Full PDB file with SEQRES, HELIX, SHEET, SSBOND, CRYST1, ORIGX, SCALE, CONECT and MASTER records, all heavy atoms in Angstrom:
SEQRES   1 A   38  SER LEU GLY TRP SER GLU THR GLU LYS GLY LEU VAL LEU          
SEQRES   2 A   38  SER SER PHE PHE ILE GLY TYR MET ALA ALA GLN ILE VAL          
SEQRES   3 A   38  GLY GLY VAL LEU ALA ASP ARG PHE GLY GLY LYS ARG              
HELIX    1 AA1 GLU A    6  ALA A   22  1                                  17    
HELIX    2 AA2 GLN A   24  PHE A   34  1                                  11    
CRYST1    1.000    1.000    1.000  90.00  90.00  90.00 P 1           1          
ORIGX1      1.000000  0.000000  0.000000        0.00000                         
ORIGX2      0.000000  1.000000  0.000000        0.00000                         
ORIGX3      0.000000  0.000000  1.000000        0.00000                         
SCALE1      1.000000  0.000000  0.000000        0.00000                         
SCALE2      0.000000  1.000000  0.000000        0.00000                         
SCALE3      0.000000  0.000000  1.000000        0.00000                         
ATOM      1  N   SER A   1       0.812  -1.216   0.000  1.00  0.00           N  
ATOM      2  CA  SER A   1       0.000   0.000   0.000  1.00  0.00           C  
ATOM      3  C   SER A   1       0.847   1.268   0.000  1.00  0.00           C  
ATOM      4  O   SER A   1       0.511   2.249  -0.683  1.00  0.00           O  
ATOM      5  CB  SER A   1      -0.913  -0.002   1.229  1.00  0.00           C  
ATOM      6  OG  SER A   1      -1.597   1.218   1.375  1.00  0.00           O  
ATOM      7  N   LEU A   2       1.963   1.244   0.746  1.00  0.00           N  
ATOM      8  CA  LEU A   2       2.764   2.451   0.934  1.00  0.00           C  
ATOM      9  C   LEU A   2       4.024   2.482   0.080  1.00  0.00           C  
ATOM     10  O   LEU A   2       4.770   3.459   0.114  1.00  0.00           O  
ATOM     11  CB  LEU A   2       3.131   2.588   2.420  1.00  0.00           C  
ATOM     12  CG  LEU A   2       1.923   2.676   3.373  1.00  0.00           C  
ATOM     13  CD1 LEU A   2       2.374   2.622   4.821  1.00  0.00           C  
ATOM     14  CD2 LEU A   2       1.122   3.952   3.108  1.00  0.00           C  
ATOM     15  N   GLY A   3       4.277   1.396  -0.682  1.00  0.00           N  
ATOM     16  CA  GLY A   3       5.377   1.386  -1.630  1.00  0.00           C  
ATOM     17  C   GLY A   3       6.763   1.295  -1.021  1.00  0.00           C  
ATOM     18  O   GLY A   3       7.705   1.903  -1.522  1.00  0.00           O  
ATOM     19  N   TRP A   4       6.913   0.508   0.061  1.00  0.00           N  
ATOM     20  CA  TRP A   4       8.226   0.353   0.686  1.00  0.00           C  
ATOM     21  C   TRP A   4       9.108  -0.599  -0.099  1.00  0.00           C  
ATOM     22  O   TRP A   4       8.632  -1.555  -0.714  1.00  0.00           O  
ATOM     23  CB  TRP A   4       8.097  -0.207   2.095  1.00  0.00           C  
ATOM     24  CG  TRP A   4       7.313   0.622   3.058  1.00  0.00           C  
ATOM     25  CD1 TRP A   4       7.044   1.956   2.984  1.00  0.00           C  
ATOM     26  CD2 TRP A   4       6.682   0.143   4.258  1.00  0.00           C  
ATOM     27  NE1 TRP A   4       6.305   2.354   4.061  1.00  0.00           N  
ATOM     28  CE2 TRP A   4       6.066   1.269   4.863  1.00  0.00           C  
ATOM     29  CE3 TRP A   4       6.580  -1.095   4.871  1.00  0.00           C  
ATOM     30  CZ2 TRP A   4       5.355   1.167   6.066  1.00  0.00           C  
ATOM     31  CZ3 TRP A   4       5.895  -1.199   6.063  1.00  0.00           C  
ATOM     32  CH2 TRP A   4       5.284  -0.078   6.659  1.00  0.00           C  
ATOM     33  N   SER A   5      10.415  -0.381  -0.036  1.00  0.00           N  
ATOM     34  CA  SER A   5      11.386  -1.389  -0.480  1.00  0.00           C  
ATOM     35  C   SER A   5      11.608  -2.376   0.664  1.00  0.00           C  
ATOM     36  O   SER A   5      11.128  -2.164   1.783  1.00  0.00           O  
ATOM     37  CB  SER A   5      12.719  -0.710  -0.841  1.00  0.00           C  
ATOM     38  OG  SER A   5      13.336  -0.179   0.328  1.00  0.00           O  
ATOM     39  N   GLU A   6      12.343  -3.457   0.387  1.00  0.00           N  
ATOM     40  CA  GLU A   6      12.657  -4.422   1.454  1.00  0.00           C  
ATOM     41  C   GLU A   6      13.474  -3.758   2.562  1.00  0.00           C  
ATOM     42  O   GLU A   6      13.293  -4.044   3.746  1.00  0.00           O  
ATOM     43  CB  GLU A   6      13.420  -5.617   0.879  1.00  0.00           C  
ATOM     44  CG  GLU A   6      12.592  -6.536  -0.002  1.00  0.00           C  
ATOM     45  CD  GLU A   6      11.485  -7.228   0.770  1.00  0.00           C  
ATOM     46  OE1 GLU A   6      11.708  -7.582   1.937  1.00  0.00           O  
ATOM     47  OE2 GLU A   6      10.383  -7.405   0.196  1.00  0.00           O  
ATOM     48  N   THR A   7      14.377  -2.881   2.172  1.00  0.00           N  
ATOM     49  CA  THR A   7      15.189  -2.179   3.174  1.00  0.00           C  
ATOM     50  C   THR A   7      14.325  -1.271   4.033  1.00  0.00           C  
ATOM     51  O   THR A   7      14.496  -1.207   5.266  1.00  0.00           O  
ATOM     52  CB  THR A   7      16.297  -1.360   2.484  1.00  0.00           C  
ATOM     53  OG1 THR A   7      17.140  -2.244   1.743  1.00  0.00           O  
ATOM     54  CG2 THR A   7      17.137  -0.609   3.514  1.00  0.00           C  
ATOM     55  N   GLU A   8      13.382  -0.557   3.420  1.00  0.00           N  
ATOM     56  CA  GLU A   8      12.481   0.305   4.193  1.00  0.00           C  
ATOM     57  C   GLU A   8      11.603  -0.517   5.130  1.00  0.00           C  
ATOM     58  O   GLU A   8      11.362  -0.121   6.278  1.00  0.00           O  
ATOM     59  CB  GLU A   8      11.608   1.136   3.241  1.00  0.00           C  
ATOM     60  CG  GLU A   8      12.357   2.267   2.558  1.00  0.00           C  
ATOM     61  CD  GLU A   8      11.508   2.984   1.528  1.00  0.00           C  
ATOM     62  OE1 GLU A   8      10.698   2.299   0.849  1.00  0.00           O  
ATOM     63  OE2 GLU A   8      11.654   4.212   1.393  1.00  0.00           O  
ATOM     64  N   LYS A   9      11.157  -1.680   4.656  1.00  0.00           N  
ATOM     65  CA  LYS A   9      10.369  -2.536   5.536  1.00  0.00           C  
ATOM     66  C   LYS A   9      11.214  -3.011   6.718  1.00  0.00           C  
ATOM     67  O   LYS A   9      10.733  -3.071   7.861  1.00  0.00           O  
ATOM     68  CB  LYS A   9       9.821  -3.746   4.772  1.00  0.00           C  
ATOM     69  CG  LYS A   9       8.929  -4.646   5.643  1.00  0.00           C  
ATOM     70  CD  LYS A   9       8.126  -5.641   4.817  1.00  0.00           C  
ATOM     71  CE  LYS A   9       8.965  -6.760   4.270  1.00  0.00           C  
ATOM     72  NZ  LYS A   9       8.136  -7.833   3.666  1.00  0.00           N  
ATOM     73  N   GLY A  10      12.466  -3.319   6.459  1.00  0.00           N  
ATOM     74  CA  GLY A  10      13.360  -3.705   7.533  1.00  0.00           C  
ATOM     75  C   GLY A  10      13.539  -2.595   8.559  1.00  0.00           C  
ATOM     76  O   GLY A  10      13.601  -2.854   9.767  1.00  0.00           O  
ATOM     77  N   LEU A  11      13.601  -1.342   8.095  1.00  0.00           N  
ATOM     78  CA  LEU A  11      13.723  -0.206   9.006  1.00  0.00           C  
ATOM     79  C   LEU A  11      12.475  -0.053   9.872  1.00  0.00           C  
ATOM     80  O   LEU A  11      12.570   0.234  11.077  1.00  0.00           O  
ATOM     81  CB  LEU A  11      13.972   1.076   8.217  1.00  0.00           C  
ATOM     82  CG  LEU A  11      15.341   1.200   7.548  1.00  0.00           C  
ATOM     83  CD1 LEU A  11      15.392   2.445   6.661  1.00  0.00           C  
ATOM     84  CD2 LEU A  11      16.449   1.253   8.595  1.00  0.00           C  
ATOM     85  N   VAL A  12      11.308  -0.255   9.275  1.00  0.00           N  
ATOM     86  CA  VAL A  12      10.066  -0.174  10.044  1.00  0.00           C  
ATOM     87  C   VAL A  12      10.030  -1.273  11.107  1.00  0.00           C  
ATOM     88  O   VAL A  12       9.700  -1.016  12.275  1.00  0.00           O  
ATOM     89  CB  VAL A  12       8.835  -0.291   9.108  1.00  0.00           C  
ATOM     90  CG1 VAL A  12       7.558  -0.417   9.937  1.00  0.00           C  
ATOM     91  CG2 VAL A  12       8.753   0.911   8.189  1.00  0.00           C  
ATOM     92  N   LEU A  13      10.383  -2.489  10.707  1.00  0.00           N  
ATOM     93  CA  LEU A  13      10.339  -3.608  11.644  1.00  0.00           C  
ATOM     94  C   LEU A  13      11.370  -3.465  12.759  1.00  0.00           C  
ATOM     95  O   LEU A  13      11.139  -3.903  13.889  1.00  0.00           O  
ATOM     96  CB  LEU A  13      10.563  -4.928  10.891  1.00  0.00           C  
ATOM     97  CG  LEU A  13       9.484  -5.322   9.879  1.00  0.00           C  
ATOM     98  CD1 LEU A  13       9.889  -6.584   9.132  1.00  0.00           C  
ATOM     99  CD2 LEU A  13       8.136  -5.522  10.566  1.00  0.00           C  
ATOM    100  N   SER A  14      12.503  -2.862  12.464  1.00  0.00           N  
ATOM    101  CA  SER A  14      13.570  -2.765  13.465  1.00  0.00           C  
ATOM    102  C   SER A  14      13.459  -1.531  14.346  1.00  0.00           C  
ATOM    103  O   SER A  14      14.048  -1.489  15.428  1.00  0.00           O  
ATOM    104  CB  SER A  14      14.941  -2.769  12.774  1.00  0.00           C  
ATOM    105  OG  SER A  14      15.115  -1.614  11.978  1.00  0.00           O  
ATOM    106  N   SER A  15      12.712  -0.506  13.916  1.00  0.00           N  
ATOM    107  CA  SER A  15      12.688   0.760  14.654  1.00  0.00           C  
ATOM    108  C   SER A  15      12.094   0.597  16.048  1.00  0.00           C  
ATOM    109  O   SER A  15      12.475   1.321  16.981  1.00  0.00           O  
ATOM    110  CB  SER A  15      11.909   1.818  13.865  1.00  0.00           C  
ATOM    111  OG  SER A  15      10.586   1.383  13.586  1.00  0.00           O  
ATOM    112  N   PHE A  16      11.181  -0.336  16.210  1.00  0.00           N  
ATOM    113  CA  PHE A  16      10.637  -0.627  17.541  1.00  0.00           C  
ATOM    114  C   PHE A  16      11.755  -0.866  18.548  1.00  0.00           C  
ATOM    115  O   PHE A  16      11.706  -0.395  19.690  1.00  0.00           O  
ATOM    116  CB  PHE A  16       9.732  -1.868  17.455  1.00  0.00           C  
ATOM    117  CG  PHE A  16       9.439  -2.510  18.795  1.00  0.00           C  
ATOM    118  CD1 PHE A  16       8.365  -2.089  19.554  1.00  0.00           C  
ATOM    119  CD2 PHE A  16      10.253  -3.522  19.292  1.00  0.00           C  
ATOM    120  CE1 PHE A  16       8.106  -2.674  20.793  1.00  0.00           C  
ATOM    121  CE2 PHE A  16      10.001  -4.106  20.506  1.00  0.00           C  
ATOM    122  CZ  PHE A  16       8.920  -3.685  21.267  1.00  0.00           C  
ATOM    123  N   PHE A  17      12.778  -1.586  18.123  1.00  0.00           N  
ATOM    124  CA  PHE A  17      13.813  -2.020  19.051  1.00  0.00           C  
ATOM    125  C   PHE A  17      14.741  -0.883  19.471  1.00  0.00           C  
ATOM    126  O   PHE A  17      15.432  -0.993  20.485  1.00  0.00           O  
ATOM    127  CB  PHE A  17      14.612  -3.166  18.424  1.00  0.00           C  
ATOM    128  CG  PHE A  17      13.769  -4.379  18.159  1.00  0.00           C  
ATOM    129  CD1 PHE A  17      13.304  -4.653  16.882  1.00  0.00           C  
ATOM    130  CD2 PHE A  17      13.411  -5.230  19.186  1.00  0.00           C  
ATOM    131  CE1 PHE A  17      12.512  -5.761  16.635  1.00  0.00           C  
ATOM    132  CE2 PHE A  17      12.616  -6.337  18.954  1.00  0.00           C  
ATOM    133  CZ  PHE A  17      12.163  -6.611  17.676  1.00  0.00           C  
ATOM    134  N   ILE A  18      14.750   0.214  18.716  1.00  0.00           N  
ATOM    135  CA  ILE A  18      15.532   1.382  19.134  1.00  0.00           C  
ATOM    136  C   ILE A  18      14.971   1.926  20.443  1.00  0.00           C  
ATOM    137  O   ILE A  18      15.693   2.140  21.422  1.00  0.00           O  
ATOM    138  CB  ILE A  18      15.524   2.456  18.038  1.00  0.00           C  
ATOM    139  CG1 ILE A  18      16.198   1.934  16.768  1.00  0.00           C  
ATOM    140  CG2 ILE A  18      16.221   3.730  18.534  1.00  0.00           C  
ATOM    141  CD1 ILE A  18      16.074   2.872  15.581  1.00  0.00           C  
ATOM    142  N   GLY A  19      13.649   2.152  20.466  1.00  0.00           N  
ATOM    143  CA  GLY A  19      13.017   2.611  21.693  1.00  0.00           C  
ATOM    144  C   GLY A  19      13.057   1.564  22.788  1.00  0.00           C  
ATOM    145  O   GLY A  19      13.263   1.880  23.965  1.00  0.00           O  
ATOM    146  N   TYR A  20      12.869   0.321  22.395  1.00  0.00           N  
ATOM    147  CA  TYR A  20      12.847  -0.776  23.372  1.00  0.00           C  
ATOM    148  C   TYR A  20      14.187  -0.892  24.084  1.00  0.00           C  
ATOM    149  O   TYR A  20      14.247  -1.084  25.301  1.00  0.00           O  
ATOM    150  CB  TYR A  20      12.506  -2.070  22.637  1.00  0.00           C  
ATOM    151  CG  TYR A  20      12.206  -3.246  23.538  1.00  0.00           C  
ATOM    152  CD1 TYR A  20      11.077  -3.242  24.351  1.00  0.00           C  
ATOM    153  CD2 TYR A  20      13.025  -4.371  23.541  1.00  0.00           C  
ATOM    154  CE1 TYR A  20      10.782  -4.333  25.159  1.00  0.00           C  
ATOM    155  CE2 TYR A  20      12.738  -5.460  24.343  1.00  0.00           C  
ATOM    156  CZ  TYR A  20      11.612  -5.438  25.147  1.00  0.00           C  
ATOM    157  OH  TYR A  20      11.334  -6.513  25.944  1.00  0.00           O  
ATOM    158  N   MET A  21      15.271  -0.750  23.354  1.00  0.00           N  
ATOM    159  CA  MET A  21      16.593  -0.845  23.960  1.00  0.00           C  
ATOM    160  C   MET A  21      16.899   0.377  24.814  1.00  0.00           C  
ATOM    161  O   MET A  21      17.481   0.266  25.892  1.00  0.00           O  
ATOM    162  CB  MET A  21      17.659  -0.995  22.875  1.00  0.00           C  
ATOM    163  CG  MET A  21      19.068  -1.171  23.422  1.00  0.00           C  
ATOM    164  SD  MET A  21      20.318  -1.323  22.141  1.00  0.00           S  
ATOM    165  CE  MET A  21      20.381   0.371  21.558  1.00  0.00           C  
ATOM    166  N   ALA A  22      16.468   1.552  24.360  1.00  0.00           N  
ATOM    167  CA  ALA A  22      16.847   2.798  25.019  1.00  0.00           C  
ATOM    168  C   ALA A  22      16.338   2.904  26.446  1.00  0.00           C  
ATOM    169  O   ALA A  22      16.979   3.528  27.296  1.00  0.00           O  
ATOM    170  CB  ALA A  22      16.342   3.989  24.198  1.00  0.00           C  
ATOM    171  N   ALA A  23      15.184   2.298  26.740  1.00  0.00           N  
ATOM    172  CA  ALA A  23      14.557   2.498  28.052  1.00  0.00           C  
ATOM    173  C   ALA A  23      14.619   1.276  28.961  1.00  0.00           C  
ATOM    174  O   ALA A  23      14.003   1.275  30.033  1.00  0.00           O  
ATOM    175  CB  ALA A  23      13.102   2.936  27.867  1.00  0.00           C  
ATOM    176  N   GLN A  24      15.347   0.225  28.577  1.00  0.00           N  
ATOM    177  CA  GLN A  24      15.399  -0.982  29.392  1.00  0.00           C  
ATOM    178  C   GLN A  24      16.013  -0.725  30.777  1.00  0.00           C  
ATOM    179  O   GLN A  24      15.440  -1.078  31.804  1.00  0.00           O  
ATOM    180  CB  GLN A  24      16.213  -2.060  28.674  1.00  0.00           C  
ATOM    181  CG  GLN A  24      15.483  -2.731  27.538  1.00  0.00           C  
ATOM    182  CD  GLN A  24      14.386  -3.657  28.008  1.00  0.00           C  
ATOM    183  OE1 GLN A  24      14.504  -4.287  29.058  1.00  0.00           O  
ATOM    184  NE2 GLN A  24      13.329  -3.739  27.252  1.00  0.00           N  
ATOM    185  N   ILE A  25      17.192  -0.126  30.802  1.00  0.00           N  
ATOM    186  CA  ILE A  25      17.882   0.087  32.078  1.00  0.00           C  
ATOM    187  C   ILE A  25      17.109   1.083  32.926  1.00  0.00           C  
ATOM    188  O   ILE A  25      16.935   0.881  34.138  1.00  0.00           O  
ATOM    189  CB  ILE A  25      19.320   0.571  31.837  1.00  0.00           C  
ATOM    190  CG1 ILE A  25      20.114  -0.506  31.082  1.00  0.00           C  
ATOM    191  CG2 ILE A  25      20.011   0.902  33.160  1.00  0.00           C  
ATOM    192  CD1 ILE A  25      21.513  -0.084  30.692  1.00  0.00           C  
ATOM    193  N   VAL A  26      16.616   2.147  32.297  1.00  0.00           N  
ATOM    194  CA  VAL A  26      15.808   3.119  33.028  1.00  0.00           C  
ATOM    195  C   VAL A  26      14.578   2.447  33.625  1.00  0.00           C  
ATOM    196  O   VAL A  26      14.218   2.679  34.790  1.00  0.00           O  
ATOM    197  CB  VAL A  26      15.385   4.277  32.099  1.00  0.00           C  
ATOM    198  CG1 VAL A  26      14.402   5.203  32.803  1.00  0.00           C  
ATOM    199  CG2 VAL A  26      16.604   5.055  31.642  1.00  0.00           C  
ATOM    200  N   GLY A  27      13.933   1.578  32.831  1.00  0.00           N  
ATOM    201  CA  GLY A  27      12.767   0.855  33.334  1.00  0.00           C  
ATOM    202  C   GLY A  27      13.102  -0.013  34.524  1.00  0.00           C  
ATOM    203  O   GLY A  27      12.340  -0.085  35.500  1.00  0.00           O  
ATOM    204  N   GLY A  28      14.264  -0.698  34.481  1.00  0.00           N  
ATOM    205  CA  GLY A  28      14.678  -1.533  35.601  1.00  0.00           C  
ATOM    206  C   GLY A  28      14.963  -0.719  36.854  1.00  0.00           C  
ATOM    207  O   GLY A  28      14.565  -1.103  37.964  1.00  0.00           O  
ATOM    208  N   VAL A  29      15.650   0.411  36.684  1.00  0.00           N  
ATOM    209  CA  VAL A  29      15.946   1.286  37.831  1.00  0.00           C  
ATOM    210  C   VAL A  29      14.655   1.821  38.442  1.00  0.00           C  
ATOM    211  O   VAL A  29      14.478   1.823  39.664  1.00  0.00           O  
ATOM    212  CB  VAL A  29      16.864   2.446  37.395  1.00  0.00           C  
ATOM    213  CG1 VAL A  29      16.999   3.469  38.517  1.00  0.00           C  
ATOM    214  CG2 VAL A  29      18.237   1.919  36.999  1.00  0.00           C  
ATOM    215  N   LEU A  30      13.725   2.271  37.592  1.00  0.00           N  
ATOM    216  CA  LEU A  30      12.452   2.790  38.091  1.00  0.00           C  
ATOM    217  C   LEU A  30      11.650   1.706  38.808  1.00  0.00           C  
ATOM    218  O   LEU A  30      11.029   1.966  39.852  1.00  0.00           O  
ATOM    219  CB  LEU A  30      11.633   3.362  36.933  1.00  0.00           C  
ATOM    220  CG  LEU A  30      12.169   4.645  36.285  1.00  0.00           C  
ATOM    221  CD1 LEU A  30      11.326   5.021  35.077  1.00  0.00           C  
ATOM    222  CD2 LEU A  30      12.198   5.788  37.292  1.00  0.00           C  
ATOM    223  N   ALA A  31      11.660   0.482  38.257  1.00  0.00           N  
ATOM    224  CA  ALA A  31      10.923  -0.606  38.893  1.00  0.00           C  
ATOM    225  C   ALA A  31      11.507  -0.942  40.260  1.00  0.00           C  
ATOM    226  O   ALA A  31      10.766  -1.160  41.227  1.00  0.00           O  
ATOM    227  CB  ALA A  31      10.928  -1.845  37.992  1.00  0.00           C  
ATOM    228  N   ASP A  32      12.834  -0.995  40.350  1.00  0.00           N  
ATOM    229  CA  ASP A  32      13.460  -1.321  41.629  1.00  0.00           C  
ATOM    230  C   ASP A  32      13.270  -0.194  42.654  1.00  0.00           C  
ATOM    231  O   ASP A  32      13.284  -0.442  43.860  1.00  0.00           O  
ATOM    232  CB  ASP A  32      14.952  -1.594  41.426  1.00  0.00           C  
ATOM    233  CG  ASP A  32      15.208  -2.949  40.768  1.00  0.00           C  
ATOM    234  OD1 ASP A  32      14.287  -3.783  40.783  1.00  0.00           O  
ATOM    235  OD2 ASP A  32      16.310  -3.162  40.240  1.00  0.00           O  
ATOM    236  N   ARG A  33      13.087   1.020  42.174  1.00  0.00           N  
ATOM    237  CA  ARG A  33      12.938   2.151  43.099  1.00  0.00           C  
ATOM    238  C   ARG A  33      11.475   2.425  43.461  1.00  0.00           C  
ATOM    239  O   ARG A  33      11.140   2.669  44.613  1.00  0.00           O  
ATOM    240  CB  ARG A  33      13.564   3.418  42.508  1.00  0.00           C  
ATOM    241  CG  ARG A  33      13.478   4.610  43.450  1.00  0.00           C  
ATOM    242  CD  ARG A  33      14.399   5.728  43.038  1.00  0.00           C  
ATOM    243  NE  ARG A  33      14.350   6.833  43.986  1.00  0.00           N  
ATOM    244  CZ  ARG A  33      15.016   6.874  45.139  1.00  0.00           C  
ATOM    245  NH1 ARG A  33      15.757   5.851  45.509  1.00  0.00           N  
ATOM    246  NH2 ARG A  33      14.920   7.924  45.935  1.00  0.00           N  
ATOM    247  N   PHE A  34      10.576   2.399  42.460  1.00  0.00           N  
ATOM    248  CA  PHE A  34       9.189   2.790  42.685  1.00  0.00           C  
ATOM    249  C   PHE A  34       8.213   1.614  42.685  1.00  0.00           C  
ATOM    250  O   PHE A  34       7.028   1.808  42.972  1.00  0.00           O  
ATOM    251  CB  PHE A  34       8.755   3.810  41.634  1.00  0.00           C  
ATOM    252  CG  PHE A  34       9.540   5.082  41.677  1.00  0.00           C  
ATOM    253  CD1 PHE A  34      10.463   5.375  40.693  1.00  0.00           C  
ATOM    254  CD2 PHE A  34       9.378   5.983  42.718  1.00  0.00           C  
ATOM    255  CE1 PHE A  34      11.196   6.548  40.726  1.00  0.00           C  
ATOM    256  CE2 PHE A  34      10.112   7.162  42.765  1.00  0.00           C  
ATOM    257  CZ  PHE A  34      11.026   7.446  41.767  1.00  0.00           C  
ATOM    258  N   GLY A  35       8.700   0.420  42.358  1.00  0.00           N  
ATOM    259  CA  GLY A  35       7.832  -0.748  42.384  1.00  0.00           C  
ATOM    260  C   GLY A  35       7.379  -1.191  41.013  1.00  0.00           C  
ATOM    261  O   GLY A  35       7.083  -0.366  40.138  1.00  0.00           O  
ATOM    262  N   GLY A  36       7.331  -2.500  40.824  1.00  0.00           N  
ATOM    263  CA  GLY A  36       6.992  -3.063  39.525  1.00  0.00           C  
ATOM    264  C   GLY A  36       5.574  -2.810  39.083  1.00  0.00           C  
ATOM    265  O   GLY A  36       5.304  -2.633  37.899  1.00  0.00           O  
ATOM    266  N   LYS A  37       4.630  -2.770  40.045  1.00  0.00           N  
ATOM    267  CA  LYS A  37       3.234  -2.584  39.654  1.00  0.00           C  
ATOM    268  C   LYS A  37       3.023  -1.249  38.949  1.00  0.00           C  
ATOM    269  O   LYS A  37       2.431  -1.173  37.877  1.00  0.00           O  
ATOM    270  CB  LYS A  37       2.332  -2.653  40.884  1.00  0.00           C  
ATOM    271  CG  LYS A  37       0.878  -2.282  40.575  1.00  0.00           C  
ATOM    272  CD  LYS A  37       0.034  -2.082  41.799  1.00  0.00           C  
ATOM    273  CE  LYS A  37      -1.341  -1.534  41.415  1.00  0.00           C  
ATOM    274  NZ  LYS A  37      -2.232  -1.372  42.592  1.00  0.00           N  
ATOM    275  N   ARG A  38       3.508  -0.184  39.562  1.00  0.00           N  
ATOM    276  CA  ARG A  38       3.298   1.149  39.005  1.00  0.00           C  
ATOM    277  C   ARG A  38       4.002   1.296  37.661  1.00  0.00           C  
ATOM    278  O   ARG A  38       3.420   1.814  36.695  1.00  0.00           O  
ATOM    279  CB  ARG A  38       3.826   2.198  39.983  1.00  0.00           C  
ATOM    280  CG  ARG A  38       3.557   3.638  39.554  1.00  0.00           C  
ATOM    281  CD  ARG A  38       4.157   4.618  40.557  1.00  0.00           C  
ATOM    282  NE  ARG A  38       3.653   4.372  41.896  1.00  0.00           N  
ATOM    283  CZ  ARG A  38       4.105   5.001  42.986  1.00  0.00           C  
ATOM    284  NH1 ARG A  38       5.076   5.898  42.872  1.00  0.00           N  
ATOM    285  NH2 ARG A  38       3.593   4.731  44.165  1.00  0.00           N  
TER     286      ARG A  38                                                      
MASTER        0    0    0    2    0    0    0    6  285    1    0    3          
END                                                                             
């Protein structure tokens, strides 16, 4: 529908992991400090 190349599709599929990686340690620190539920 949007006319992506295979490389562009790869960028879309992989971009999630940029954000996912960036906040892992911060998420762990926040969980250990403020609690996992919150």
